Protein backbone atom coordinates (compact mmCIF):
# COMPACT_ATOMS: atom_id res chain seq x y z
CA MET A 1 106.29 85.08 110.41
CA SER A 2 104.14 82.84 112.42
CA ALA A 3 104.69 81.00 115.89
CA THR A 4 105.37 78.18 114.24
CA ASP A 5 106.99 79.04 111.10
CA PRO A 6 110.16 81.72 111.73
CA THR A 7 110.68 83.04 108.62
CA PRO A 8 109.29 86.48 107.66
CA PRO A 9 107.30 87.36 105.35
CA GLY A 10 108.61 87.86 101.51
CA THR A 11 111.18 85.28 101.82
CA ARG A 12 111.82 82.97 99.52
CA THR A 13 111.78 79.54 100.59
CA ASP A 14 110.32 77.51 98.46
CA SER A 15 111.94 76.35 95.19
CA VAL A 16 110.91 78.77 92.80
CA PRO A 17 112.25 78.54 89.38
CA THR A 18 114.86 81.28 89.10
CA ALA A 19 113.62 82.63 85.47
CA ALA A 20 109.85 83.17 87.82
CA ASP A 21 112.52 84.35 90.78
CA ASP A 22 113.91 87.00 87.95
CA GLU A 23 110.82 87.97 86.93
CA ILE A 24 108.86 88.53 90.26
CA ASP A 25 111.99 90.92 91.22
CA ALA A 26 111.15 93.11 87.94
CA LEU A 27 108.29 93.39 88.51
CA ARG A 28 108.23 94.10 92.62
CA ALA A 29 111.08 96.85 91.19
CA GLU A 30 108.67 98.60 88.84
CA ILE A 31 105.73 97.99 91.47
CA ASP A 32 108.62 100.02 93.89
CA ARG A 33 108.95 102.47 91.10
CA LEU A 34 105.02 103.33 90.53
CA ASP A 35 104.94 104.28 94.38
CA SER A 36 107.48 106.50 94.11
CA GLU A 37 105.95 108.01 91.33
CA ILE A 38 102.54 107.89 93.00
CA LEU A 39 103.78 109.23 96.16
CA ASP A 40 105.25 111.98 94.37
CA ALA A 41 102.12 113.05 92.60
CA ILE A 42 100.43 112.45 96.08
CA LEU A 43 102.75 115.33 97.43
CA ARG A 44 102.39 117.55 94.62
CA ARG A 45 98.43 117.21 94.49
CA THR A 46 97.75 118.15 98.39
CA GLU A 47 100.02 121.07 98.05
CA VAL A 48 98.19 122.33 94.66
CA SER A 49 94.96 121.48 96.52
CA LYS A 50 95.59 123.61 99.22
CA ARG A 51 97.09 126.48 97.14
CA ILE A 52 93.84 126.50 95.96
CA GLY A 53 92.37 126.40 99.09
CA ALA A 54 94.06 129.46 100.41
CA ALA A 55 93.95 131.26 97.02
CA ARG A 56 89.66 130.57 97.30
CA MET A 57 89.38 131.89 100.97
CA ALA A 58 91.60 135.10 100.42
CA ALA A 59 89.16 135.91 97.42
CA GLY A 60 86.28 135.98 99.99
CA GLY A 61 85.40 132.09 98.66
CA PRO A 62 84.54 129.37 100.27
CA ARG A 63 86.89 126.73 101.82
CA ILE A 64 85.38 123.85 100.11
CA VAL A 65 83.50 123.53 96.78
CA TYR A 66 81.45 120.93 97.10
CA SER A 67 80.82 120.45 93.40
CA ARG A 68 84.39 120.30 92.33
CA GLU A 69 84.40 117.42 95.52
CA MET A 70 82.00 115.67 93.52
CA ALA A 71 83.69 115.39 90.35
CA VAL A 72 86.79 114.51 91.98
CA LEU A 73 85.08 111.74 93.67
CA ASP A 74 83.19 110.30 90.08
CA ARG A 75 86.60 110.21 87.99
CA PHE A 76 87.52 107.62 91.02
CA ASP A 77 84.75 105.57 90.52
CA ALA A 78 86.52 103.89 87.92
CA LEU A 79 87.96 102.35 90.64
CA GLY A 80 84.94 100.83 92.61
CA ALA A 81 84.37 101.37 96.25
CA GLU A 82 87.87 101.60 97.01
CA GLY A 83 88.19 104.28 94.39
CA ARG A 84 85.96 106.47 96.22
CA GLU A 85 87.88 105.73 99.50
CA LEU A 86 90.84 106.59 97.75
CA ALA A 87 89.48 109.84 96.49
CA MET A 88 88.26 110.68 99.15
CA MET A 89 91.60 110.26 101.07
CA LEU A 90 93.18 112.76 98.97
CA LEU A 91 90.33 115.50 99.28
CA ARG A 92 91.34 115.59 103.06
CA LEU A 93 94.69 115.28 102.52
CA GLY A 94 94.26 118.50 100.41
CA ARG A 95 92.00 120.37 102.22
CA GLY A 96 94.32 120.00 105.78
CA ARG A 97 92.84 120.97 108.74
CA LEU A 98 89.26 122.02 108.53
CA GLY A 99 87.65 123.72 111.75
CA GLY A 100 90.97 125.90 113.18
CA ARG A 101 92.09 122.85 115.22
């Protein structure tokens, strides 16, 4: 939507053929399903990571094992620079709050 076009983004106003509409709708539904799976996996990963950190600290170990984090970053390098950013976000989610704040 813009000042000159009051149509909300994503609203169809052109004459895209019905077959293309159906394909686009099916692909969007697949993306929605994948997003749901990704979110579920991130939530599970975050919980597992926090449990690992708690167990490691309870055993007197460090909260963060940097060699392990580097291995995670290396795996996500396959996605390029954005993959590394994604890995950093996942690592931050799994750490929880640092510094006792």
